[in-house]
């Protein structure tokens, strides 16, 4: 399972067109189609009715949709949180000094 598969699934579900979904995702239509098929293989079922125009979700696709939306939202949120933690750690300055220097000079800097 890859996050790109979920994002492609959501774009296709929202737009109903492989061409429009691929453009929105910034990928070739063939790549989006392969990833949607990979997600369908992972799920063990067809998620879209490709015979309809626009492309529609199957019953299985409708079952997956809210879970995929929640997963994408949760992963995006935790990504921002981990980046914020990483930035805070990277911004911290650690100074190693003998006790006498730390007491006498470094306390004035804090």
PDB file of N, CA and C in Angstrom:
ATOM      1  N   UNK A   1       0.855  -1.176   0.000  1.00  0.00           N
ATOM      2  CA  UNK A   1       0.000   0.000   0.000  1.00  0.00           C
ATOM      3  C   UNK A   1       0.895   1.230   0.000  1.00  0.00           C
ATOM      4  N   UNK A   2       0.593   2.172  -0.860  1.00  0.00           N
ATOM      5  CA  UNK A   2       1.342   3.418  -0.926  1.00  0.00           C
ATOM      6  C   UNK A   2       0.375   4.584  -0.793  1.00  0.00           C
ATOM      7  N   UNK A   3       0.849   5.658  -0.201  1.00  0.00           N
ATOM      8  CA  UNK A   3       0.016   6.848  -0.050  1.00  0.00           C
ATOM      9  C   UNK A   3      -0.413   7.383  -1.411  1.00  0.00           C
ATOM     10  N   UNK A   4       0.451   7.302  -2.419  1.00  0.00           N
ATOM     11  CA  UNK A   4       0.102   7.775  -3.764  1.00  0.00           C
ATOM     12  C   UNK A   4      -1.123   7.039  -4.302  1.00  0.00           C
ATOM     13  N   UNK A   5      -1.266   5.771  -3.968  1.00  0.00           N
ATOM     14  CA  UNK A   5      -2.439   5.022  -4.420  1.00  0.00           C
ATOM     15  C   UNK A   5      -3.710   5.631  -3.848  1.00  0.00           C
ATOM     16  N   UNK A   6      -3.667   5.970  -2.569  1.00  0.00           N
ATOM     17  CA  UNK A   6      -4.828   6.576  -1.907  1.00  0.00           C
ATOM     18  C   UNK A   6      -5.128   7.943  -2.509  1.00  0.00           C
ATOM     19  N   UNK A   7      -4.087   8.748  -2.707  1.00  0.00           N
ATOM     20  CA  UNK A   7      -4.285  10.083  -3.275  1.00  0.00           C
ATOM     21  C   UNK A   7      -4.838  10.006  -4.692  1.00  0.00           C
ATOM     22  N   UNK A   8      -4.375   9.053  -5.484  1.00  0.00           N
ATOM     23  CA  UNK A   8      -4.909   8.853  -6.837  1.00  0.00           C
ATOM     24  C   UNK A   8      -6.369   8.407  -6.775  1.00  0.00           C
ATOM     25  N   UNK A   9      -6.658   7.484  -5.885  1.00  0.00           N
ATOM     26  CA  UNK A   9      -8.030   7.011  -5.696  1.00  0.00           C
ATOM     27  C   UNK A   9      -8.958   8.179  -5.370  1.00  0.00           C
ATOM     28  N   UNK A  10      -8.523   9.038  -4.449  1.00  0.00           N
ATOM     29  CA  UNK A  10      -9.352  10.174  -4.045  1.00  0.00           C
ATOM     30  C   UNK A  10      -9.543  11.168  -5.186  1.00  0.00           C
ATOM     31  N   UNK A  11      -8.498  11.420  -5.949  1.00  0.00           N
ATOM     32  CA  UNK A  11      -8.609  12.345  -7.085  1.00  0.00           C
ATOM     33  C   UNK A  11      -9.573  11.789  -8.129  1.00  0.00           C
ATOM     34  N   UNK A  12      -9.459  10.508  -8.427  1.00  0.00           N
ATOM     35  CA  UNK A  12     -10.345   9.904  -9.417  1.00  0.00           C
ATOM     36  C   UNK A  12     -11.789   9.874  -8.917  1.00  0.00           C
ATOM     37  N   UNK A  13     -11.977   9.577  -7.654  1.00  0.00           N
ATOM     38  CA  UNK A  13     -13.328   9.565  -7.082  1.00  0.00           C
ATOM     39  C   UNK A  13     -13.948  10.958  -7.147  1.00  0.00           C
ATOM     40  N   UNK A  14     -13.135  11.979  -6.900  1.00  0.00           N
ATOM     41  CA  UNK A  14     -13.633  13.358  -6.897  1.00  0.00           C
ATOM     42  C   UNK A  14     -13.915  13.859  -8.318  1.00  0.00           C
ATOM     43  N   UNK A  15     -13.020  13.549  -9.257  1.00  0.00           N
ATOM     44  CA  UNK A  15     -13.109  14.132 -10.597  1.00  0.00           C
ATOM     45  C   UNK A  15     -13.842  13.249 -11.607  1.00  0.00           C
ATOM     46  N   UNK A  16     -13.877  11.933 -11.388  1.00  0.00           N
ATOM     47  CA  UNK A  16     -14.599  11.040 -12.284  1.00  0.00           C
ATOM     48  C   UNK A  16     -13.976  10.848 -13.648  1.00  0.00           C
ATOM     49  N   UNK A  17     -12.721  11.238 -13.793  1.00  0.00           N
ATOM     50  CA  UNK A  17     -12.038  11.130 -15.081  1.00  0.00           C
ATOM     51  C   UNK A  17     -10.570  10.804 -14.840  1.00  0.00           C
ATOM     52  N   UNK A  18     -10.087   9.763 -15.513  1.00  0.00           N
ATOM     53  CA  UNK A  18      -8.673   9.419 -15.381  1.00  0.00           C
ATOM     54  C   UNK A  18      -7.792  10.564 -15.890  1.00  0.00           C
ATOM     55  N   UNK A  19      -8.205  11.190 -16.986  1.00  0.00           N
ATOM     56  CA  UNK A  19      -7.423  12.290 -17.556  1.00  0.00           C
ATOM     57  C   UNK A  19      -7.346  13.460 -16.585  1.00  0.00           C
ATOM     58  N   UNK A  20      -8.468  13.884 -16.054  1.00  0.00           N
ATOM     59  CA  UNK A  20      -8.493  15.018 -15.126  1.00  0.00           C
ATOM     60  C   UNK A  20      -7.785  14.684 -13.816  1.00  0.00           C
ATOM     61  N   UNK A  21      -7.958  13.472 -13.325  1.00  0.00           N
ATOM     62  CA  UNK A  21      -7.302  13.071 -12.079  1.00  0.00           C
ATOM     63  C   UNK A  21      -5.789  13.052 -12.263  1.00  0.00           C
ATOM     64  N   UNK A  22      -5.332  12.537 -13.399  1.00  0.00           N
ATOM     65  CA  UNK A  22      -3.890  12.498 -13.672  1.00  0.00           C
ATOM     66  C   UNK A  22      -3.327  13.915 -13.756  1.00  0.00           C
ATOM     67  N   UNK A  23      -4.033  14.803 -14.416  1.00  0.00           N
ATOM     68  CA  UNK A  23      -3.584  16.196 -14.499  1.00  0.00           C
ATOM     69  C   UNK A  23      -3.535  16.832 -13.113  1.00  0.00           C
ATOM     70  N   UNK A  24      -4.557  16.599 -12.315  1.00  0.00           N
ATOM     71  CA  UNK A  24      -4.602  17.171 -10.962  1.00  0.00           C
ATOM     72  C   UNK A  24      -3.463  16.634 -10.106  1.00  0.00           C
ATOM     73  N   UNK A  25      -3.100  15.381 -10.320  1.00  0.00           N
ATOM     74  CA  UNK A  25      -2.036  14.760  -9.525  1.00  0.00           C
ATOM     75  C   UNK A  25      -0.651  15.002 -10.112  1.00  0.00           C
ATOM     76  N   UNK A  26      -0.604  15.549 -11.326  1.00  0.00           N
ATOM     77  CA  UNK A  26       0.683  15.836 -11.950  1.00  0.00           C
ATOM     78  C   UNK A  26       1.426  14.594 -12.400  1.00  0.00           C
ATOM     79  N   UNK A  27       0.679  13.584 -12.844  1.00  0.00           N
ATOM     80  CA  UNK A  27       1.280  12.340 -13.318  1.00  0.00           C
ATOM     81  C   UNK A  27       0.671  11.977 -14.665  1.00  0.00           C
ATOM     82  N   UNK A  28       1.314  11.059 -15.367  1.00  0.00           N
ATOM     83  CA  UNK A  28       0.762  10.550 -16.616  1.00  0.00           C
ATOM     84  C   UNK A  28      -0.487   9.726 -16.321  1.00  0.00           C
ATOM     85  N   UNK A  29      -1.406   9.736 -17.253  1.00  0.00           N
ATOM     86  CA  UNK A  29      -2.637   8.972 -17.069  1.00  0.00           C
ATOM     87  C   UNK A  29      -2.333   7.488 -16.894  1.00  0.00           C
ATOM     88  N   UNK A  30      -1.350   6.983 -17.603  1.00  0.00           N
ATOM     89  CA  UNK A  30      -0.991   5.563 -17.482  1.00  0.00           C
ATOM     90  C   UNK A  30      -0.484   5.246 -16.074  1.00  0.00           C
ATOM     91  N   UNK A  31       0.272   6.178 -15.484  1.00  0.00           N
ATOM     92  CA  UNK A  31       0.778   5.960 -14.119  1.00  0.00           C
ATOM     93  C   UNK A  31      -0.376   5.954 -13.120  1.00  0.00           C
ATOM     94  N   UNK A  32      -1.301   6.890 -13.266  1.00  0.00           N
ATOM     95  CA  UNK A  32      -2.451   6.933 -12.366  1.00  0.00           C
ATOM     96  C   UNK A  32      -3.272   5.656 -12.510  1.00  0.00           C
ATOM     97  N   UNK A  33      -3.477   5.217 -13.733  1.00  0.00           N
ATOM     98  CA  UNK A  33      -4.246   4.002 -13.971  1.00  0.00           C
ATOM     99  C   UNK A  33      -3.568   2.785 -13.344  1.00  0.00           C
ATOM    100  N   UNK A  34      -2.248   2.682 -13.483  1.00  0.00           N
ATOM    101  CA  UNK A  34      -1.506   1.563 -12.873  1.00  0.00           C
ATOM    102  C   UNK A  34      -1.649   1.581 -11.358  1.00  0.00           C
ATOM    103  N   UNK A  35      -1.564   2.768 -10.766  1.00  0.00           N
ATOM    104  CA  UNK A  35      -1.648   2.848  -9.299  1.00  0.00           C
ATOM    105  C   UNK A  35      -3.057   2.536  -8.802  1.00  0.00           C
ATOM    106  N   UNK A  36      -4.071   2.956  -9.543  1.00  0.00           N
ATOM    107  CA  UNK A  36      -5.447   2.614  -9.164  1.00  0.00           C
ATOM    108  C   UNK A  36      -5.636   1.098  -9.260  1.00  0.00           C
ATOM    109  N   UNK A  37      -5.106   0.505 -10.301  1.00  0.00           N
ATOM    110  CA  UNK A  37      -5.193  -0.963 -10.433  1.00  0.00           C
ATOM    111  C   UNK A  37      -4.435  -1.654  -9.298  1.00  0.00           C
ATOM    112  N   UNK A  38      -3.300  -1.092  -8.902  1.00  0.00           N
ATOM    113  CA  UNK A  38      -2.546  -1.670  -7.781  1.00  0.00           C
ATOM    114  C   UNK A  38      -3.371  -1.611  -6.497  1.00  0.00           C
ATOM    115  N   UNK A  39      -4.064  -0.494  -6.278  1.00  0.00           N
ATOM    116  CA  UNK A  39      -4.926  -0.374  -5.093  1.00  0.00           C
ATOM    117  C   UNK A  39      -6.068  -1.382  -5.176  1.00  0.00           C
ATOM    118  N   UNK A  40      -6.639  -1.541  -6.371  1.00  0.00           N
ATOM    119  CA  UNK A  40      -7.712  -2.524  -6.539  1.00  0.00           C
ATOM    120  C   UNK A  40      -7.188  -3.937  -6.289  1.00  0.00           C
ATOM    121  N   UNK A  41      -5.989  -4.211  -6.735  1.00  0.00           N
ATOM    122  CA  UNK A  41      -5.384  -5.531  -6.473  1.00  0.00           C
ATOM    123  C   UNK A  41      -5.201  -5.733  -4.969  1.00  0.00           C
ATOM    124  N   UNK A  42      -4.710  -4.686  -4.293  1.00  0.00           N
ATOM    125  CA  UNK A  42      -4.531  -4.748  -2.840  1.00  0.00           C
ATOM    126  C   UNK A  42      -5.882  -4.982  -2.147  1.00  0.00           C
ATOM    127  N   UNK A  43      -6.917  -4.271  -2.611  1.00  0.00           N
ATOM    128  CA  UNK A  43      -8.246  -4.392  -2.000  1.00  0.00           C
ATOM    129  C   UNK A  43      -8.928  -5.708  -2.379  1.00  0.00           C
ATOM    130  N   UNK A  44      -8.485  -6.307  -3.481  1.00  0.00           N
ATOM    131  CA  UNK A  44      -9.085  -7.560  -3.915  1.00  0.00           C
ATOM    132  C   UNK A  44     -10.399  -7.400  -4.649  1.00  0.00           C
ATOM    133  N   UNK A  45     -10.651  -6.189  -5.149  1.00  0.00           N
ATOM    134  CA  UNK A  45     -11.916  -5.937  -5.838  1.00  0.00           C
ATOM    135  C   UNK A  45     -11.801  -4.687  -6.705  1.00  0.00           C
ATOM    136  N   UNK A  46     -12.741  -4.523  -7.604  1.00  0.00           N
ATOM    137  CA  UNK A  46     -12.810  -3.336  -8.447  1.00  0.00           C
ATOM    138  C   UNK A  46     -13.401  -2.187  -7.627  1.00  0.00           C
ATOM    139  N   UNK A  47     -12.768  -1.035  -7.707  1.00  0.00           N
ATOM    140  CA  UNK A  47     -13.226   0.130  -6.943  1.00  0.00           C
ATOM    141  C   UNK A  47     -13.974   1.143  -7.797  1.00  0.00           C
ATOM    142  N   UNK A  48     -13.791   1.066  -9.120  1.00  0.00           N
ATOM    143  CA  UNK A  48     -14.437   2.013 -10.038  1.00  0.00           C
ATOM    144  C   UNK A  48     -15.156   1.270 -11.150  1.00  0.00           C
ATOM    145  N   UNK A  49     -16.301   1.811 -11.555  1.00  0.00           N
ATOM    146  CA  UNK A  49     -17.012   1.347 -12.744  1.00  0.00           C
ATOM    147  C   UNK A  49     -16.472   2.165 -13.909  1.00  0.00           C
ATOM    148  N   UNK A  50     -15.583   1.555 -14.684  1.00  0.00           N
ATOM    149  CA  UNK A  50     -14.928   2.261 -15.787  1.00  0.00           C
ATOM    150  C   UNK A  50     -15.826   2.383 -17.013  1.00  0.00           C
ATOM    151  N   UNK A  51     -16.947   1.649 -17.057  1.00  0.00           N
ATOM    152  CA  UNK A  51     -17.851   1.706 -18.203  1.00  0.00           C
ATOM    153  C   UNK A  51     -18.709   2.965 -18.176  1.00  0.00           C
ATOM    154  N   UNK A  52     -18.849   3.574 -17.032  1.00  0.00           N
ATOM    155  CA  UNK A  52     -19.680   4.776 -16.926  1.00  0.00           C
ATOM    156  C   UNK A  52     -18.845   6.019 -17.190  1.00  0.00           C
ATOM    157  N   UNK A  53     -19.507   7.052 -17.655  1.00  0.00           N
ATOM    158  CA  UNK A  53     -18.846   8.352 -17.863  1.00  0.00           C
ATOM    159  C   UNK A  53     -19.693   9.406 -17.176  1.00  0.00           C
ATOM    160  N   UNK A  54     -19.238  10.046 -16.137  1.00  0.00           N
ATOM    161  CA  UNK A  54     -17.912   9.917 -15.544  1.00  0.00           C
ATOM    162  C   UNK A  54     -17.735   8.565 -14.838  1.00  0.00           C
ATOM    163  N   UNK A  55     -16.469   8.236 -14.557  1.00  0.00           N
ATOM    164  CA  UNK A  55     -16.144   7.012 -13.832  1.00  0.00           C
ATOM    165  C   UNK A  55     -16.777   7.107 -12.445  1.00  0.00           C
ATOM    166  N   UNK A  56     -17.433   6.047 -12.023  1.00  0.00           N
ATOM    167  CA  UNK A  56     -18.122   6.042 -10.732  1.00  0.00           C
ATOM    168  C   UNK A  56     -17.519   4.993  -9.801  1.00  0.00           C
ATOM    169  N   UNK A  57     -17.648   5.241  -8.513  1.00  0.00           N
ATOM    170  CA  UNK A  57     -17.230   4.262  -7.510  1.00  0.00           C
ATOM    171  C   UNK A  57     -18.177   3.078  -7.501  1.00  0.00           C
ATOM    172  N   UNK A  58     -17.615   1.901  -7.328  1.00  0.00           N
ATOM    173  CA  UNK A  58     -18.426   0.707  -7.084  1.00  0.00           C
ATOM    174  C   UNK A  58     -18.851   0.729  -5.612  1.00  0.00           C
ATOM    175  N   UNK A  59     -19.630  -0.258  -5.212  1.00  0.00           N
ATOM    176  CA  UNK A  59     -20.003  -0.363  -3.792  1.00  0.00           C
ATOM    177  C   UNK A  59     -18.748  -0.462  -2.924  1.00  0.00           C
ATOM    178  N   UNK A  60     -17.769  -1.235  -3.389  1.00  0.00           N
ATOM    179  CA  UNK A  60     -16.515  -1.377  -2.641  1.00  0.00           C
ATOM    180  C   UNK A  60     -15.770  -0.048  -2.581  1.00  0.00           C
ATOM    181  N   UNK A  61     -15.771   0.681  -3.669  1.00  0.00           N
ATOM    182  CA  UNK A  61     -15.123   1.990  -3.697  1.00  0.00           C
ATOM    183  C   UNK A  61     -15.780   2.968  -2.747  1.00  0.00           C
ATOM    184  N   UNK A  62     -17.109   2.926  -2.692  1.00  0.00           N
ATOM    185  CA  UNK A  62     -17.830   3.810  -1.747  1.00  0.00           C
ATOM    186  C   UNK A  62     -17.528   3.430  -0.305  1.00  0.00           C
ATOM    187  N   UNK A  63     -17.299   2.154  -0.053  1.00  0.00           N
ATOM    188  CA  UNK A  63     -16.931   1.699   1.287  1.00  0.00           C
ATOM    189  C   UNK A  63     -15.527   2.196   1.658  1.00  0.00           C
ATOM    190  N   UNK A  64     -14.618   2.188   0.691  1.00  0.00           N
ATOM    191  CA  UNK A  64     -13.244   2.618   0.938  1.00  0.00           C
ATOM    192  C   UNK A  64     -13.104   4.137   1.047  1.00  0.00           C
ATOM    193  N   UNK A  65     -13.957   4.879   0.365  1.00  0.00           N
ATOM    194  CA  UNK A  65     -13.797   6.334   0.264  1.00  0.00           C
ATOM    195  C   UNK A  65     -13.624   7.050   1.605  1.00  0.00           C
ATOM    196  N   UNK A  66     -14.509   6.897   2.577  1.00  0.00           N
ATOM    197  CA  UNK A  66     -14.319   7.648   3.830  1.00  0.00           C
ATOM    198  C   UNK A  66     -13.066   7.226   4.594  1.00  0.00           C
ATOM    199  N   UNK A  67     -12.701   5.965   4.483  1.00  0.00           N
ATOM    200  CA  UNK A  67     -11.490   5.485   5.153  1.00  0.00           C
ATOM    201  C   UNK A  67     -10.264   6.099   4.489  1.00  0.00           C
ATOM    202  N   UNK A  68     -10.265   6.152   3.166  1.00  0.00           N
ATOM    203  CA  UNK A  68      -9.149   6.745   2.415  1.00  0.00           C
ATOM    204  C   UNK A  68      -9.032   8.242   2.710  1.00  0.00           C
ATOM    205  N   UNK A  69     -10.163   8.924   2.778  1.00  0.00           N
ATOM    206  CA  UNK A  69     -10.134  10.365   3.097  1.00  0.00           C
ATOM    207  C   UNK A  69      -9.546  10.597   4.485  1.00  0.00           C
ATOM    208  N   UNK A  70      -9.982   9.810   5.438  1.00  0.00           N
ATOM    209  CA  UNK A  70      -9.492   9.941   6.815  1.00  0.00           C
ATOM    210  C   UNK A  70      -8.002   9.608   6.889  1.00  0.00           C
ATOM    211  N   UNK A  71      -7.585   8.551   6.212  1.00  0.00           N
ATOM    212  CA  UNK A  71      -6.169   8.152   6.223  1.00  0.00           C
ATOM    213  C   UNK A  71      -5.298   9.238   5.609  1.00  0.00           C
ATOM    214  N   UNK A  72      -5.712   9.783   4.476  1.00  0.00           N
ATOM    215  CA  UNK A  72      -4.933  10.834   3.818  1.00  0.00           C
ATOM    216  C   UNK A  72      -4.855  12.073   4.708  1.00  0.00           C
ATOM    217  N   UNK A  73      -5.967  12.433   5.324  1.00  0.00           N
ATOM    218  CA  UNK A  73      -6.005  13.599   6.220  1.00  0.00           C
ATOM    219  C   UNK A  73      -5.126  13.370   7.447  1.00  0.00           C
ATOM    220  N   UNK A  74      -5.229  12.193   8.046  1.00  0.00           N
ATOM    221  CA  UNK A  74      -4.430  11.878   9.236  1.00  0.00           C
ATOM    222  C   UNK A  74      -2.934  11.858   8.909  1.00  0.00           C
ATOM    223  N   UNK A  75      -2.575  11.260   7.787  1.00  0.00           N
ATOM    224  CA  UNK A  75      -1.162  11.200   7.407  1.00  0.00           C
ATOM    225  C   UNK A  75      -0.608  12.583   7.089  1.00  0.00           C
ATOM    226  N   UNK A  76      -1.412  13.416   6.431  1.00  0.00           N
ATOM    227  CA  UNK A  76      -0.958  14.787   6.162  1.00  0.00           C
ATOM    228  C   UNK A  76      -0.765  15.551   7.467  1.00  0.00           C
ATOM    229  N   UNK A  77      -1.670  15.347   8.417  1.00  0.00           N
ATOM    230  CA  UNK A  77      -1.554  16.025   9.711  1.00  0.00           C
ATOM    231  C   UNK A  77      -0.340  15.589  10.495  1.00  0.00           C
ATOM    232  N   UNK A  78      -0.102  14.293  10.546  1.00  0.00           N
ATOM    233  CA  UNK A  78       1.057  13.810  11.305  1.00  0.00           C
ATOM    234  C   UNK A  78       2.351  14.197  10.593  1.00  0.00           C
ATOM    235  N   UNK A  79       2.318  14.304   9.283  1.00  0.00           N
ATOM    236  CA  UNK A  79       3.508  14.754   8.556  1.00  0.00           C
ATOM    237  C   UNK A  79       3.876  16.173   8.984  1.00  0.00           C
ATOM    238  N   UNK A  80       2.892  17.036   9.078  1.00  0.00           N
ATOM    239  CA  UNK A  80       3.151  18.409   9.523  1.00  0.00           C
ATOM    240  C   UNK A  80       3.665  18.434  10.962  1.00  0.00           C
ATOM    241  N   UNK A  81       3.089  17.596  11.806  1.00  0.00           N
ATOM    242  CA  UNK A  81       3.526  17.546  13.199  1.00  0.00           C
ATOM    243  C   UNK A  81       4.958  17.056  13.320  1.00  0.00           C
ATOM    244  N   UNK A  82       5.307  16.016  12.573  1.00  0.00           N
ATOM    245  CA  UNK A  82       6.675  15.498  12.657  1.00  0.00           C
ATOM    246  C   UNK A  82       7.667  16.492  12.086  1.00  0.00           C
ATOM    247  N   UNK A  83       7.267  17.212  11.058  1.00  0.00           N
ATOM    248  CA  UNK A  83       8.163  18.247  10.512  1.00  0.00           C
ATOM    249  C   UNK A  83       8.374  19.364  11.531  1.00  0.00           C
ATOM    250  N   UNK A  84       7.317  19.738  12.235  1.00  0.00           N
ATOM    251  CA  UNK A  84       7.444  20.786  13.246  1.00  0.00           C
ATOM    252  C   UNK A  84       8.367  20.345  14.374  1.00  0.00           C
ATOM    253  N   UNK A  85       8.234  19.108  14.799  1.00  0.00           N
ATOM    254  CA  UNK A  85       9.109  18.581  15.849  1.00  0.00           C
ATOM    255  C   UNK A  85      10.542  18.550  15.343  1.00  0.00           C
ATOM    256  N   UNK A  86      10.731  18.078  14.122  1.00  0.00           N
ATOM    257  CA  UNK A  86      12.065  18.028  13.537  1.00  0.00           C
ATOM    258  C   UNK A  86      12.685  19.402  13.410  1.00  0.00           C
ATOM    259  N   UNK A  87      11.892  20.404  13.046  1.00  0.00           N
ATOM    260  CA  UNK A  87      12.392  21.770  12.931  1.00  0.00           C
ATOM    261  C   UNK A  87      12.781  22.323  14.301  1.00  0.00           C
ATOM    262  N   UNK A  88      11.982  22.019  15.317  1.00  0.00           N
ATOM    263  CA  UNK A  88      12.286  22.512  16.662  1.00  0.00           C
ATOM    264  C   UNK A  88      13.574  21.891  17.182  1.00  0.00           C
ATOM    265  N   UNK A  89      13.763  20.619  16.898  1.00  0.00           N
ATOM    266  CA  UNK A  89      14.991  19.947  17.334  1.00  0.00           C
ATOM    267  C   UNK A  89      16.185  20.513  16.587  1.00  0.00           C
ATOM    268  N   UNK A  90      16.024  20.746  15.286  1.00  0.00           N
ATOM    269  CA  UNK A  90      17.125  21.289  14.475  1.00  0.00           C
ATOM    270  C   UNK A  90      17.470  22.717  14.896  1.00  0.00           C
ATOM    271  N   UNK A  91      16.495  23.455  15.414  1.00  0.00           N
ATOM    272  CA  UNK A  91      16.729  24.835  15.805  1.00  0.00           C
ATOM    273  C   UNK A  91      17.373  24.960  17.182  1.00  0.00           C
ATOM    274  N   UNK A  92      17.339  23.910  17.973  1.00  0.00           N
ATOM    275  CA  UNK A  92      17.922  23.951  19.312  1.00  0.00           C
ATOM    276  C   UNK A  92      19.444  24.028  19.215  1.00  0.00           C
ATOM    277  N   UNK A  93      20.025  24.789  20.103  1.00  0.00           N
ATOM    278  CA  UNK A  93      21.477  24.918  20.167  1.00  0.00           C
ATOM    279  C   UNK A  93      21.950  24.253  21.454  1.00  0.00           C
ATOM    280  N   UNK A  94      22.897  23.359  21.324  1.00  0.00           N
ATOM    281  CA  UNK A  94      23.461  22.672  22.476  1.00  0.00           C
ATOM    282  C   UNK A  94      24.892  23.158  22.642  1.00  0.00           C
ATOM    283  N   UNK A  95      25.207  23.620  23.839  1.00  0.00           N
ATOM    284  CA  UNK A  95      26.552  24.118  24.126  1.00  0.00           C
ATOM    285  C   UNK A  95      27.151  23.256  25.219  1.00  0.00           C
ATOM    286  N   UNK A  96      28.336  22.757  24.965  1.00  0.00           N
ATOM    287  CA  UNK A  96      29.057  21.994  25.972  1.00  0.00           C
ATOM    288  C   UNK A  96      30.199  22.877  26.470  1.00  0.00           C
ATOM    289  N   UNK A  97      30.268  23.041  27.793  1.00  0.00           N
ATOM    290  CA  UNK A  97      31.310  23.896  28.370  1.00  0.00           C
ATOM    291  C   UNK A  97      31.632  23.418  29.773  1.00  0.00           C
ATOM    292  N   UNK A  98      32.824  23.710  30.216  1.00  0.00           N
ATOM    293  CA  UNK A  98      33.144  23.385  31.604  1.00  0.00           C
ATOM    294  C   UNK A  98      32.185  24.112  32.547  1.00  0.00           C
ATOM    295  N   UNK A  99      31.968  23.537  33.701  1.00  0.00           N
ATOM    296  CA  UNK A  99      31.028  24.104  34.669  1.00  0.00           C
ATOM    297  C   UNK A  99      31.332  25.574  34.989  1.00  0.00           C
ATOM    298  N   UNK A 100      32.584  25.915  35.198  1.00  0.00           N
ATOM    299  CA  UNK A 100      32.918  27.296  35.565  1.00  0.00           C
ATOM    300  C   UNK A 100      32.565  28.270  34.451  1.00  0.00           C
ATOM    301  N   UNK A 101      32.772  27.904  33.205  1.00  0.00           N
ATOM    302  CA  UNK A 101      32.421  28.786  32.086  1.00  0.00           C
ATOM    303  C   UNK A 101      30.906  28.890  31.958  1.00  0.00           C
ATOM    304  N   UNK A 102      30.225  27.778  32.176  1.00  0.00           N
ATOM    305  CA  UNK A 102      28.773  27.786  32.065  1.00  0.00           C
ATOM    306  C   UNK A 102      28.152  28.674  33.128  1.00  0.00           C
ATOM    307  N   UNK A 103      28.677  28.644  34.314  1.00  0.00           N
ATOM    308  CA  UNK A 103      28.137  29.456  35.405  1.00  0.00           C
ATOM    309  C   UNK A 103      28.483  30.925  35.197  1.00  0.00           C
ATOM    310  N   UNK A 104      29.719  31.191  34.867  1.00  0.00           N
ATOM    311  CA  UNK A 104      30.184  32.568  34.816  1.00  0.00           C
ATOM    312  C   UNK A 104      29.816  33.334  33.572  1.00  0.00           C
ATOM    313  N   UNK A 105      29.863  32.719  32.409  1.00  0.00           N
ATOM    314  CA  UNK A 105      29.698  33.478  31.172  1.00  0.00           C
ATOM    315  C   UNK A 105      28.442  33.114  30.393  1.00  0.00           C
ATOM    316  N   UNK A 106      28.111  31.857  30.315  1.00  0.00           N
ATOM    317  CA  UNK A 106      26.989  31.448  29.466  1.00  0.00           C
ATOM    318  C   UNK A 106      25.626  31.809  30.045  1.00  0.00           C
ATOM    319  N   UNK A 107      25.526  31.956  31.348  1.00  0.00           N
ATOM    320  CA  UNK A 107      24.231  32.308  31.923  1.00  0.00           C
ATOM    321  C   UNK A 107      23.821  33.697  31.498  1.00  0.00           C
ATOM    322  N   UNK A 108      24.765  34.579  31.197  1.00  0.00           N
ATOM    323  CA  UNK A 108      24.422  35.913  30.727  1.00  0.00           C
ATOM    324  C   UNK A 108      23.785  35.880  29.333  1.00  0.00           C
ATOM    325  N   UNK A 109      24.082  34.855  28.561  1.00  0.00           N
ATOM    326  CA  UNK A 109      23.549  34.749  27.200  1.00  0.00           C
ATOM    327  C   UNK A 109      22.128  34.232  27.166  1.00  0.00           C
ATOM    328  N   UNK A 110      21.702  33.608  28.236  1.00  0.00           N
ATOM    329  CA  UNK A 110      20.365  32.975  28.228  1.00  0.00           C
ATOM    330  C   UNK A 110      19.304  33.919  28.660  1.00  0.00           C
TER     331      UNK A 110
END
